[in-house]
Every structure is written in structure tokens, then in C-alpha cells.
C-alpha atoms as a PDB file:
ATOM      1  CA  MET A   1       0.000   0.000   0.000  1.00  0.00           C
ATOM      2  CA  THR A   2       2.982   2.322  -0.260  1.00  0.00           C
ATOM      3  CA  LYS A   3       2.342   3.033  -3.939  1.00  0.00           C
ATOM      4  CA  THR A   4       0.350   5.951  -5.288  1.00  0.00           C
ATOM      5  CA  ILE A   5      -2.134   6.314  -8.102  1.00  0.00           C
ATOM      6  CA  SER A   6      -3.039   9.280 -10.243  1.00  0.00           C
ATOM      7  CA  GLY A   7      -5.923  11.329  -8.850  1.00  0.00           C
ATOM      8  CA  PRO A   8      -8.652  13.160 -10.811  1.00  0.00           C
ATOM      9  CA  ASP A   9      -6.328  16.159 -11.163  1.00  0.00           C
ATOM     10  CA  GLY A  10      -3.389  14.023 -12.286  1.00  0.00           C
ATOM     11  CA  GLN A  11      -1.593  14.389  -8.957  1.00  0.00           C
ATOM     12  CA  PRO A  12      -0.563  11.289  -6.979  1.00  0.00           C
ATOM     13  CA  ARG A  13      -2.822   9.965  -4.235  1.00  0.00           C
ATOM     14  CA  CYS A  14      -2.670   7.043  -1.814  1.00  0.00           C
ATOM     15  CA  ALA A  15      -3.417   3.867  -3.762  1.00  0.00           C
ATOM     16  CA  TRP A  16      -6.408   2.949  -1.573  1.00  0.00           C
ATOM     17  CA  CYS A  17      -8.369   5.794  -3.175  1.00  0.00           C
ATOM     18  CA  GLN A  18      -8.906   3.688  -6.283  1.00  0.00           C
ATOM     19  CA  ALA A  19     -11.256   1.371  -4.382  1.00  0.00           C
ATOM     20  CA  ALA A  20     -14.185   3.796  -4.747  1.00  0.00           C
ATOM     21  CA  PRO A  21     -14.786   7.149  -6.509  1.00  0.00           C
ATOM     22  CA  ASP A  22     -15.943   8.848  -3.297  1.00  0.00           C
ATOM     23  CA  PHE A  23     -12.685   7.949  -1.553  1.00  0.00           C
ATOM     24  CA  PHE A  24     -10.849  10.802  -3.284  1.00  0.00           C
ATOM     25  CA  GLU A  25     -12.932  13.510  -1.582  1.00  0.00           C
ATOM     26  CA  TYR A  26     -12.665  11.801   1.789  1.00  0.00           C
ATOM     27  CA  HIS A  27      -8.904  11.317   1.329  1.00  0.00           C
ATOM     28  CA  ASP A  28      -8.243  14.876   0.165  1.00  0.00           C
ATOM     29  CA  ASN A  29     -10.446  16.723   2.642  1.00  0.00           C
ATOM     30  CA  GLU A  30     -10.537  14.654   5.828  1.00  0.00           C
ATOM     31  CA  TRP A  31      -8.239  11.681   6.153  1.00  0.00           C
ATOM     32  CA  GLY A  32      -5.064  12.259   8.117  1.00  0.00           C
ATOM     33  CA  TYR A  33      -5.754  15.826   9.222  1.00  0.00           C
ATOM     34  CA  PRO A  34      -5.587  16.497  12.987  1.00  0.00           C
ATOM     35  CA  VAL A  35      -8.878  16.736  14.857  1.00  0.00           C
ATOM     36  CA  ALA A  36      -9.501  18.108  18.354  1.00  0.00           C
ATOM     37  CA  ASP A  37     -13.307  18.092  18.379  1.00  0.00           C
ATOM     38  CA  ASP A  38     -14.672  15.540  20.831  1.00  0.00           C
ATOM     39  CA  GLN A  39     -17.823  14.820  18.843  1.00  0.00           C
ATOM     40  CA  ARG A  40     -15.872  14.101  15.669  1.00  0.00           C
ATOM     41  CA  LEU A  41     -13.410  11.937  17.552  1.00  0.00           C
ATOM     42  CA  PHE A  42     -16.222   9.951  19.146  1.00  0.00           C
ATOM     43  CA  GLU A  43     -17.945   9.577  15.782  1.00  0.00           C
ATOM     44  CA  LYS A  44     -14.822   8.201  14.175  1.00  0.00           C
ATOM     45  CA  LEU A  45     -14.206   5.697  16.964  1.00  0.00           C
ATOM     46  CA  CYS A  46     -17.784   4.501  16.538  1.00  0.00           C
ATOM     47  CA  LEU A  47     -17.635   4.292  12.756  1.00  0.00           C
ATOM     48  CA  GLU A  48     -14.341   2.423  12.886  1.00  0.00           C
ATOM     49  CA  SER A  49     -15.935  -0.068  15.272  1.00  0.00           C
ATOM     50  CA  PHE A  50     -18.815  -0.542  12.828  1.00  0.00           C
ATOM     51  CA  GLN A  51     -16.274  -1.115  10.050  1.00  0.00           C
ATOM     52  CA  SER A  52     -14.795  -4.117  11.846  1.00  0.00           C
ATOM     53  CA  GLY A  53     -15.140  -7.015   9.410  1.00  0.00           C
ATOM     54  CA  LEU A  54     -16.492  -4.728   6.668  1.00  0.00           C
ATOM     55  CA  SER A  55     -15.095  -2.226   4.162  1.00  0.00           C
ATOM     56  CA  TRP A  56     -14.744   1.483   4.867  1.00  0.00           C
ATOM     57  CA  ARG A  57     -16.600   2.077   1.585  1.00  0.00           C
ATOM     58  CA  THR A  58     -19.705   0.531   3.157  1.00  0.00           C
ATOM     59  CA  ILE A  59     -19.453   2.740   6.235  1.00  0.00           C
ATOM     60  CA  LEU A  60     -18.661   5.947   4.330  1.00  0.00           C
ATOM     61  CA  ALA A  61     -21.675   5.418   2.068  1.00  0.00           C
ATOM     62  CA  LYS A  62     -23.897   5.142   5.147  1.00  0.00           C
ATOM     63  CA  ARG A  63     -22.201   7.818   7.240  1.00  0.00           C
ATOM     64  CA  GLU A  64     -25.024  10.361   7.034  1.00  0.00           C
ATOM     65  CA  ASN A  65     -27.492   7.642   8.024  1.00  0.00           C
ATOM     66  CA  PHE A  66     -25.320   6.776  11.020  1.00  0.00           C
ATOM     67  CA  ARG A  67     -25.173  10.436  12.019  1.00  0.00           C
ATOM     68  CA  LYS A  68     -28.955  10.733  11.882  1.00  0.00           C
ATOM     69  CA  ALA A  69     -29.453   7.472  13.795  1.00  0.00           C
ATOM     70  CA  PHE A  70     -26.978   8.391  16.545  1.00  0.00           C
ATOM     71  CA  LYS A  71     -27.848  12.077  17.099  1.00  0.00           C
ATOM     72  CA  GLN A  72     -24.805  13.299  15.121  1.00  0.00           C
ATOM     73  CA  PHE A  73     -22.728  11.238  17.574  1.00  0.00           C
ATOM     74  CA  ASP A  74     -23.412  13.602  20.436  1.00  0.00           C
ATOM     75  CA  PHE A  75     -22.239  11.154  23.092  1.00  0.00           C
ATOM     76  CA  ASN A  76     -24.209  12.892  25.829  1.00  0.00           C
ATOM     77  CA  ALA A  77     -27.393  12.240  23.841  1.00  0.00           C
ATOM     78  CA  VAL A  78     -26.441   8.692  22.836  1.00  0.00           C
ATOM     79  CA  ALA A  79     -25.619   7.835  26.450  1.00  0.00           C
ATOM     80  CA  LYS A  80     -29.349   8.180  27.185  1.00  0.00           C
ATOM     81  CA  PHE A  81     -30.344   5.528  24.622  1.00  0.00           C
ATOM     82  CA  ASP A  82     -32.195   2.556  26.070  1.00  0.00           C
ATOM     83  CA  ASP A  83     -33.406  -0.874  24.906  1.00  0.00           C
ATOM     84  CA  ALA A  84     -36.155   0.730  22.838  1.00  0.00           C
ATOM     85  CA  ASN A  85     -33.530   2.721  20.942  1.00  0.00           C
ATOM     86  CA  VAL A  86     -31.555  -0.450  20.292  1.00  0.00           C
ATOM     87  CA  GLU A  87     -34.630  -2.147  18.839  1.00  0.00           C
ATOM     88  CA  ARG A  88     -35.371   0.922  16.715  1.00  0.00           C
ATOM     89  CA  LEU A  89     -31.826   0.964  15.364  1.00  0.00           C
ATOM     90  CA  LEU A  90     -31.984  -2.740  14.566  1.00  0.00           C
ATOM     91  CA  GLN A  91     -34.831  -1.886  12.171  1.00  0.00           C
ATOM     92  CA  ASP A  92     -32.937   0.990  10.517  1.00  0.00           C
ATOM     93  CA  ALA A  93     -31.919  -0.227   7.056  1.00  0.00           C
ATOM     94  CA  GLY A  94     -29.720   2.835   6.608  1.00  0.00           C
ATOM     95  CA  ILE A  95     -27.077   1.619   9.046  1.00  0.00           C
ATOM     96  CA  ILE A  96     -25.304  -1.642   9.875  1.00  0.00           C
ATOM     97  CA  ARG A  97     -27.853  -3.562  11.941  1.00  0.00           C
ATOM     98  CA  HIS A  98     -25.477  -5.391  14.244  1.00  0.00           C
ATOM     99  CA  ARG A  99     -26.770  -5.566  17.810  1.00  0.00           C
ATOM    100  CA  GLY A 100     -23.348  -5.882  19.399  1.00  0.00           C
ATOM    101  CA  LYS A 101     -21.978  -2.854  17.579  1.00  0.00           C
ATOM    102  CA  ILE A 102     -25.076  -0.751  18.229  1.00  0.00           C
ATOM    103  CA  GLU A 103     -24.940  -1.593  21.926  1.00  0.00           C
ATOM    104  CA  ALA A 104     -21.208  -0.849  21.908  1.00  0.00           C
ATOM    105  CA  VAL A 105     -21.847   2.708  20.651  1.00  0.00           C
ATOM    106  CA  ILE A 106     -24.298   3.322  23.495  1.00  0.00           C
ATOM    107  CA  ASN A 107     -21.909   1.801  26.014  1.00  0.00           C
ATOM    108  CA  ASN A 108     -19.012   3.815  24.611  1.00  0.00           C
ATOM    109  CA  ALA A 109     -21.036   7.039  24.812  1.00  0.00           C
ATOM    110  CA  ARG A 110     -21.382   6.471  28.547  1.00  0.00           C
ATOM    111  CA  ARG A 111     -17.700   5.628  28.809  1.00  0.00           C
ATOM    112  CA  ALA A 112     -16.942   8.818  26.833  1.00  0.00           C
ATOM    113  CA  GLN A 113     -18.766  10.840  29.468  1.00  0.00           C
ATOM    114  CA  GLU A 114     -16.618   9.200  32.131  1.00  0.00           C
ATOM    115  CA  LEU A 115     -13.490   9.853  30.090  1.00  0.00           C
ATOM    116  CA  VAL A 116     -14.315  13.550  29.756  1.00  0.00           C
ATOM    117  CA  ALA A 117     -14.994  13.783  33.475  1.00  0.00           C
ATOM    118  CA  ALA A 118     -11.651  12.137  34.254  1.00  0.00           C
ATOM    119  CA  GLU A 119      -9.399  13.584  31.541  1.00  0.00           C
ATOM    120  CA  GLY A 120     -11.026  16.877  30.550  1.00  0.00           C
ATOM    121  CA  SER A 121     -11.861  15.890  26.981  1.00  0.00           C
ATOM    122  CA  ILE A 122     -11.655  12.998  24.548  1.00  0.00           C
ATOM    123  CA  ALA A 123      -9.198  15.072  22.536  1.00  0.00           C
ATOM    124  CA  ALA A 124      -6.817  15.593  25.452  1.00  0.00           C
ATOM    125  CA  TYR A 125      -6.888  11.865  26.090  1.00  0.00           C
ATOM    126  CA  VAL A 126      -6.330  10.561  22.550  1.00  0.00           C
ATOM    127  CA  TRP A 127      -3.608  13.053  21.663  1.00  0.00           C
ATOM    128  CA  ARG A 128      -1.456  11.660  24.460  1.00  0.00           C
ATOM    129  CA  TYR A 129      -1.073   8.674  22.163  1.00  0.00           C
ATOM    130  CA  GLU A 130       0.280  10.604  19.189  1.00  0.00           C
ATOM    131  CA  ALA A 131       2.892   8.493  17.432  1.00  0.00           C
ATOM    132  CA  GLU A 132       6.433   9.600  18.234  1.00  0.00           C
ATOM    133  CA  ASN A 133       8.100   7.141  15.879  1.00  0.00           C
ATOM    134  CA  PRO A 134       5.390   6.118  13.410  1.00  0.00           C
ATOM    135  CA  PRO A 135       5.898   3.163  11.084  1.00  0.00           C
ATOM    136  CA  THR A 136       6.638   3.718   7.404  1.00  0.00           C
ATOM    137  CA  PRO A 137       3.370   4.983   5.895  1.00  0.00           C
ATOM    138  CA  GLN A 138       0.803   2.314   5.097  1.00  0.00           C
ATOM    139  CA  THR A 139       2.971  -0.626   6.089  1.00  0.00           C
ATOM    140  CA  ALA A 140       1.290  -1.426   9.421  1.00  0.00           C
ATOM    141  CA  SER A 141      -2.208  -2.082  10.749  1.00  0.00           C
ATOM    142  CA  THR A 142      -1.309  -1.454  14.388  1.00  0.00           C
ATOM    143  CA  SER A 143       1.306   0.483  16.321  1.00  0.00           C
ATOM    144  CA  ALA A 144       2.689   0.571  19.838  1.00  0.00           C
ATOM    145  CA  GLU A 145       0.445   3.567  20.482  1.00  0.00           C
ATOM    146  CA  SER A 146      -2.718   1.953  19.114  1.00  0.00           C
ATOM    147  CA  ILE A 147      -2.052  -1.153  21.197  1.00  0.00           C
ATOM    148  CA  ALA A 148      -1.581   0.995  24.302  1.00  0.00           C
ATOM    149  CA  MET A 149      -4.707   3.083  23.680  1.00  0.00           C
ATOM    150  CA  SER A 150      -6.772  -0.012  22.921  1.00  0.00           C
ATOM    151  CA  LYS A 151      -5.652  -1.653  26.135  1.00  0.00           C
ATOM    152  CA  ASP A 152      -6.456   1.439  28.183  1.00  0.00           C
ATOM    153  CA  LEU A 153      -9.859   2.013  26.578  1.00  0.00           C
ATOM    154  CA  LYS A 154     -10.820  -1.598  27.214  1.00  0.00           C
ATOM    155  CA  LYS A 155      -9.745  -1.207  30.827  1.00  0.00           C
ATOM    156  CA  ARG A 156     -12.089   1.779  30.992  1.00  0.00           C
ATOM    157  CA  GLY A 157     -14.949  -0.373  29.688  1.00  0.00           C
ATOM    158  CA  TRP A 158     -15.010   0.596  25.992  1.00  0.00           C
ATOM    159  CA  LYS A 159     -16.007  -2.062  23.451  1.00  0.00           C
ATOM    160  CA  PHE A 160     -14.997  -2.794  19.839  1.00  0.00           C
ATOM    161  CA  VAL A 161     -11.768  -0.825  20.238  1.00  0.00           C
ATOM    162  CA  GLY A 162      -9.100  -3.331  19.269  1.00  0.00           C
ATOM    163  CA  PRO A 163      -5.604  -2.191  18.230  1.00  0.00           C
ATOM    164  CA  THR A 164      -6.416  -2.320  14.491  1.00  0.00           C
ATOM    165  CA  THR A 165      -9.589  -0.277  14.953  1.00  0.00           C
ATOM    166  CA  VAL A 166      -7.716   2.262  17.068  1.00  0.00           C
ATOM    167  CA  PHE A 167      -4.878   2.511  14.533  1.00  0.00           C
ATOM    168  CA  ALA A 168      -7.374   3.205  11.725  1.00  0.00           C
ATOM    169  CA  PHE A 169      -8.854   5.912  13.957  1.00  0.00           C
ATOM    170  CA  MET A 170      -5.364   7.381  14.507  1.00  0.00           C
ATOM    171  CA  GLN A 171      -4.672   7.401  10.764  1.00  0.00           C
ATOM    172  CA  ALA A 172      -7.926   9.175   9.988  1.00  0.00           C
ATOM    173  CA  MET A 173      -7.767  11.715  12.813  1.00  0.00           C
ATOM    174  CA  GLY A 174      -4.202  12.816  12.149  1.00  0.00           C
ATOM    175  CA  LEU A 175      -2.461  11.276  15.147  1.00  0.00           C
ATOM    176  CA  VAL A 176      -0.134   9.765  12.582  1.00  0.00           C
ATOM    177  CA  ASN A 177       0.536  11.011   9.047  1.00  0.00           C
ATOM    178  CA  ASP A 178      -0.023   7.813   7.097  1.00  0.00           C
ATOM    179  CA  HIS A 179      -0.413   9.359   3.660  1.00  0.00           C
ATOM    180  CA  ALA A 180       1.850   7.431   1.325  1.00  0.00           C
ATOM    181  CA  ILE A 181       5.286   8.752   0.470  1.00  0.00           C
ATOM    182  CA  GLY A 182       4.684  10.681  -2.743  1.00  0.00           C
ATOM    183  CA  CYS A 183       0.993  11.323  -2.084  1.00  0.00           C
ATOM    184  CA  SER A 184       0.164  14.937  -2.929  1.00  0.00           C
ATOM    185  CA  MET A 185      -1.761  15.277   0.350  1.00  0.00           C
ATOM    186  CA  ARG A 186       1.080  14.113   2.590  1.00  0.00           C
ATOM    187  CA  GLU A 187       2.678  17.559   2.955  1.00  0.00           C
ATOM    188  CA  LYS A 188      -0.724  19.190   3.530  1.00  0.00           C
ATOM    189  CA  ALA A 189      -1.302  16.766   6.401  1.00  0.00           C
ATOM    190  CA  ALA A 190       2.208  17.400   7.720  1.00  0.00           C
ATOM    191  CA  GLN A 191       1.676  21.178   7.625  1.00  0.00           C
ATOM    192  CA  MET A 192      -1.648  20.886   9.423  1.00  0.00           C
ATOM    193  CA  ARG A 193      -0.006  18.744  12.065  1.00  0.00           C
ATOM    194  CA  ARG A 194       2.756  21.343  12.521  1.00  0.00           C
ATOM    195  CA  GLU A 195       0.158  24.090  12.985  1.00  0.00           C
ATOM    196  CA  PHE A 196      -2.045  21.998  15.249  1.00  0.00           C
ATOM    197  CA  THR A 197      -2.142  22.808  18.956  1.00  0.00           C
ATOM    198  CA  LYS A 198      -2.393  19.592  20.909  1.00  0.00           C
ATOM    199  CA  PRO A 199      -5.258  19.700  23.397  1.00  0.00           C
ATOM    200  CA  VAL A 200      -4.342  19.309  27.042  1.00  0.00           C
END
């Protein structure tokens, strides 16, 4: 996955973009850029957990449906979901109707509230795991940091947050610049990371 392909403008992009036409917009405008917004961070952790065993293309195509179903991933709102909400979501054809993953989002919303109470914000917590010595871009599916964060989140009661899921979250949210060497977006991501103020 270290190779690049030609994008719509003729400039090189990460090779995974060729899997679906809508990947280019996601890759160019979101993937790998640092995020400090708790709601966006929570959303991405949830969507990555839904992706487990599936393709990101499936999740991205349903992302707006997920946002509608889960109150835009406002974890304070989702934390109030009950069994009736679970049953409603299991009937929602616009999302992935997997009981375990749906229940995990609700559980994780409650754990997110606890995390904010203990650490100040989700952002302050996750950015402590920023990669100091990241692997060569797109050569790994986990890292020492993703293993450590996964272990700690599980200890805190989070579900569907294995090391691979957490590493995909880190790639997407800019905790590691995993744009391929030669990708035209790699320097943009690097510049945004340089300008980014880590939350504390």
C-alpha cells in the first residue's frame, strides 16, 4: 500500500483511493488531518468499530445515516439511549444492523462521558497517544500507540476498540501522518499537524 495512483487532477494519491470514486474527496479533505473536536473523535471511533469485518466504503456510504441514527454522535445524547432505541436501530436499514456494535456505541457514549470527566476531553486523552516514531506509511495495521490506547480504553470499559480499529482511527484523525510517500496530500497533512495545537 505504499504506492500511489493518479488522482482526478493528475496528482498522486494514496493507492487505496482507487477502491471507490468517493474515496478521493474523503482522502483529500478529511483523512489524516488532525482533529480536536470531541464529537468528531467519538464519531470516528464509533464508525471504525462498525467497520470491523467490513469495508470502509460501506461505512462511508452510510455515514449520514449513522449520524442521523446516533444524534450526530453527540455522546451525551447517545448515552441516554435505552433498549427501545436499540430495537429501533436494529430496524434501521440505513445503518449496519449489528446488535453488538449498536450496543457498543451506546456503552461507549457512557464511557466517553466518564473519560471527559476524568481527563477533561476525549481530545486531550487521545492526543497523548500521538505516534512519536510512526511506522513507514501504510505498512502497518497497528502500532505501539494503538495497542496501548486499545488496552487502556478496554480497561475503561469501551467495546470494539481493538488495536487495528484504534490505529485506523489514529490514521484518519491525524495522530499519525499515514499518507503514502509521494501522495500529494502528505505535505498538507504534515503542515496541518505542525500548525495543530495539541489539546491538554
